[in-house]
Amino acid sequence: LGVLQRRNGKTYVRLINQSEVDTVIRAIEAEVETQKK
């Protein structure tokens, strides 16, 4: 399970299950790309 916590506009990631790492990374990358536009 991956938990995303937002504080002061920054995204903190708690990786509870190693199998979720790739999914969390993709989610963050997609969010960053959205913010660039």
PDB file of N, CA and C in Angstrom:
ATOM      1  N   LEU A   1       0.861  -1.202   0.000  1.00  0.00           N
ATOM      2  CA  LEU A   1       0.000   0.000   0.000  1.00  0.00           C
ATOM      3  C   LEU A   1       0.881   1.231   0.000  1.00  0.00           C
ATOM      4  N   GLY A   2       0.598   2.152  -0.892  1.00  0.00           N
ATOM      5  CA  GLY A   2       1.365   3.400  -0.933  1.00  0.00           C
ATOM      6  C   GLY A   2       0.487   4.543  -0.458  1.00  0.00           C
ATOM      7  N   VAL A   3       1.028   5.361   0.404  1.00  0.00           N
ATOM      8  CA  VAL A   3       0.239   6.466   0.953  1.00  0.00           C
ATOM      9  C   VAL A   3       0.879   7.787   0.565  1.00  0.00           C
ATOM     10  N   LEU A   4       0.094   8.648  -0.041  1.00  0.00           N
ATOM     11  CA  LEU A   4       0.597   9.969  -0.406  1.00  0.00           C
ATOM     12  C   LEU A   4       0.093  10.992   0.596  1.00  0.00           C
ATOM     13  N   GLN A   5       1.013  11.791   1.103  1.00  0.00           N
ATOM     14  CA  GLN A   5       0.620  12.833   2.052  1.00  0.00           C
ATOM     15  C   GLN A   5       1.043  14.183   1.494  1.00  0.00           C
ATOM     16  N   ARG A   6       0.099  15.129   1.467  1.00  0.00           N
ATOM     17  CA  ARG A   6       0.433  16.454   0.946  1.00  0.00           C
ATOM     18  C   ARG A   6       0.622  17.423   2.098  1.00  0.00           C
ATOM     19  N   ARG A   7       1.748  18.121   2.070  1.00  0.00           N
ATOM     20  CA  ARG A   7       2.014  19.139   3.096  1.00  0.00           C
ATOM     21  C   ARG A   7       2.738  20.298   2.440  1.00  0.00           C
ATOM     22  N   ASN A   8       2.200  21.499   2.586  1.00  0.00           N
ATOM     23  CA  ASN A   8       2.851  22.698   2.063  1.00  0.00           C
ATOM     24  C   ASN A   8       3.139  22.571   0.571  1.00  0.00           C
ATOM     25  N   GLY A   9       2.228  21.953  -0.160  1.00  0.00           N
ATOM     26  CA  GLY A   9       2.385  21.853  -1.604  1.00  0.00           C
ATOM     27  C   GLY A   9       3.363  20.782  -2.045  1.00  0.00           C
ATOM     28  N   LYS A  10       3.949  20.068  -1.088  1.00  0.00           N
ATOM     29  CA  LYS A  10       4.891  19.011  -1.459  1.00  0.00           C
ATOM     30  C   LYS A  10       4.239  17.660  -1.235  1.00  0.00           C
ATOM     31  N   THR A  11       4.677  16.696  -1.995  1.00  0.00           N
ATOM     32  CA  THR A  11       4.107  15.355  -1.864  1.00  0.00           C
ATOM     33  C   THR A  11       5.091  14.444  -1.156  1.00  0.00           C
ATOM     34  N   TYR A  12       4.655  13.891  -0.033  1.00  0.00           N
ATOM     35  CA  TYR A  12       5.490  12.945   0.701  1.00  0.00           C
ATOM     36  C   TYR A  12       4.943  11.544   0.467  1.00  0.00           C
ATOM     37  N   VAL A  13       5.824  10.622   0.230  1.00  0.00           N
ATOM     38  CA  VAL A  13       5.385   9.269  -0.088  1.00  0.00           C
ATOM     39  C   VAL A  13       5.850   8.300   0.983  1.00  0.00           C
ATOM     40  N   ARG A  14       4.913   7.529   1.495  1.00  0.00           N
ATOM     41  CA  ARG A  14       5.270   6.467   2.426  1.00  0.00           C
ATOM     42  C   ARG A  14       5.073   5.151   1.704  1.00  0.00           C
ATOM     43  N   LEU A  15       6.165   4.438   1.490  1.00  0.00           N
ATOM     44  CA  LEU A  15       6.067   3.162   0.789  1.00  0.00           C
ATOM     45  C   LEU A  15       5.924   2.058   1.817  1.00  0.00           C
ATOM     46  N   ILE A  16       4.711   1.530   1.906  1.00  0.00           N
ATOM     47  CA  ILE A  16       4.429   0.494   2.891  1.00  0.00           C
ATOM     48  C   ILE A  16       4.693  -0.879   2.279  1.00  0.00           C
ATOM     49  N   ASN A  17       4.491  -0.969   0.966  1.00  0.00           N
ATOM     50  CA  ASN A  17       4.695  -2.246   0.291  1.00  0.00           C
ATOM     51  C   ASN A  17       5.577  -2.002  -0.925  1.00  0.00           C
ATOM     52  N   GLN A  18       6.706  -2.681  -0.994  1.00  0.00           N
ATOM     53  CA  GLN A  18       7.673  -2.441  -2.069  1.00  0.00           C
ATOM     54  C   GLN A  18       7.040  -2.616  -3.448  1.00  0.00           C
ATOM     55  N   SER A  19       6.021  -3.449  -3.556  1.00  0.00           N
ATOM     56  CA  SER A  19       5.403  -3.707  -4.856  1.00  0.00           C
ATOM     57  C   SER A  19       4.666  -2.485  -5.390  1.00  0.00           C
ATOM     58  N   GLU A  20       4.443  -1.491  -4.525  1.00  0.00           N
ATOM     59  CA  GLU A  20       3.711  -0.296  -4.954  1.00  0.00           C
ATOM     60  C   GLU A  20       4.644   0.803  -5.437  1.00  0.00           C
ATOM     61  N   VAL A  21       5.953   0.594  -5.326  1.00  0.00           N
ATOM     62  CA  VAL A  21       6.897   1.664  -5.649  1.00  0.00           C
ATOM     63  C   VAL A  21       6.682   2.199  -7.056  1.00  0.00           C
ATOM     64  N   ASP A  22       6.636   1.313  -8.049  1.00  0.00           N
ATOM     65  CA  ASP A  22       6.503   1.758  -9.435  1.00  0.00           C
ATOM     66  C   ASP A  22       5.213   2.535  -9.648  1.00  0.00           C
ATOM     67  N   THR A  23       4.132   2.067  -9.049  1.00  0.00           N
ATOM     68  CA  THR A  23       2.848   2.744  -9.214  1.00  0.00           C
ATOM     69  C   THR A  23       2.902   4.142  -8.624  1.00  0.00           C
ATOM     70  N   VAL A  24       3.502   4.259  -7.456  1.00  0.00           N
ATOM     71  CA  VAL A  24       3.594   5.571  -6.801  1.00  0.00           C
ATOM     72  C   VAL A  24       4.468   6.508  -7.619  1.00  0.00           C
ATOM     73  N   ILE A  25       5.579   5.995  -8.117  1.00  0.00           N
ATOM     74  CA  ILE A  25       6.480   6.833  -8.914  1.00  0.00           C
ATOM     75  C   ILE A  25       5.765   7.337 -10.163  1.00  0.00           C
ATOM     76  N   ARG A  26       5.022   6.456 -10.830  1.00  0.00           N
ATOM     77  CA  ARG A  26       4.307   6.879 -12.038  1.00  0.00           C
ATOM     78  C   ARG A  26       3.277   7.944 -11.702  1.00  0.00           C
ATOM     79  N   ALA A  27       2.604   7.787 -10.570  1.00  0.00           N
ATOM     80  CA  ALA A  27       1.585   8.756 -10.171  1.00  0.00           C
ATOM     81  C   ALA A  27       2.226  10.115  -9.934  1.00  0.00           C
ATOM     82  N   ILE A  28       3.385  10.116  -9.288  1.00  0.00           N
ATOM     83  CA  ILE A  28       4.072  11.381  -9.012  1.00  0.00           C
ATOM     84  C   ILE A  28       4.550  12.012 -10.314  1.00  0.00           C
ATOM     85  N   GLU A  29       5.133  11.204 -11.192  1.00  0.00           N
ATOM     86  CA  GLU A  29       5.622  11.733 -12.466  1.00  0.00           C
ATOM     87  C   GLU A  29       4.484  12.333 -13.275  1.00  0.00           C
ATOM     88  N   ALA A  30       3.335  11.673 -13.282  1.00  0.00           N
ATOM     89  CA  ALA A  30       2.179  12.181 -14.019  1.00  0.00           C
ATOM     90  C   ALA A  30       1.720  13.502 -13.418  1.00  0.00           C
ATOM     91  N   GLU A  31       1.753  13.593 -12.094  1.00  0.00           N
ATOM     92  CA  GLU A  31       1.324  14.822 -11.423  1.00  0.00           C
ATOM     93  C   GLU A  31       2.283  15.961 -11.740  1.00  0.00           C
ATOM     94  N   VAL A  32       3.570  15.667 -11.767  1.00  0.00           N
ATOM     95  CA  VAL A  32       4.576  16.684 -12.080  1.00  0.00           C
ATOM     96  C   VAL A  32       4.380  17.193 -13.498  1.00  0.00           C
ATOM     97  N   GLU A  33       4.144  16.295 -14.437  1.00  0.00           N
ATOM     98  CA  GLU A  33       3.921  16.695 -15.822  1.00  0.00           C
ATOM     99  C   GLU A  33       2.689  17.579 -15.929  1.00  0.00           C
ATOM    100  N   THR A  34       1.653  17.273 -15.148  1.00  0.00           N
ATOM    101  CA  THR A  34       0.435  18.078 -15.170  1.00  0.00           C
ATOM    102  C   THR A  34       0.713  19.474 -14.646  1.00  0.00           C
ATOM    103  N   GLN A  35       1.529  19.583 -13.629  1.00  0.00           N
ATOM    104  CA  GLN A  35       1.835  20.887 -13.035  1.00  0.00           C
ATOM    105  C   GLN A  35       2.687  21.732 -13.968  1.00  0.00           C
ATOM    106  N   LYS A  36       3.480  21.095 -14.835  1.00  0.00           N
ATOM    107  CA  LYS A  36       4.337  21.834 -15.765  1.00  0.00           C
ATOM    108  C   LYS A  36       3.511  22.542 -16.825  1.00  0.00           C
ATOM    109  N   LYS A  37       2.354  21.969 -17.185  1.00  0.00           N
ATOM    110  CA  LYS A  37       1.538  22.529 -18.258  1.00  0.00           C
ATOM    111  C   LYS A  37       0.781  23.762 -17.788  1.00  0.00           C
TER     112      LYS A  37
END
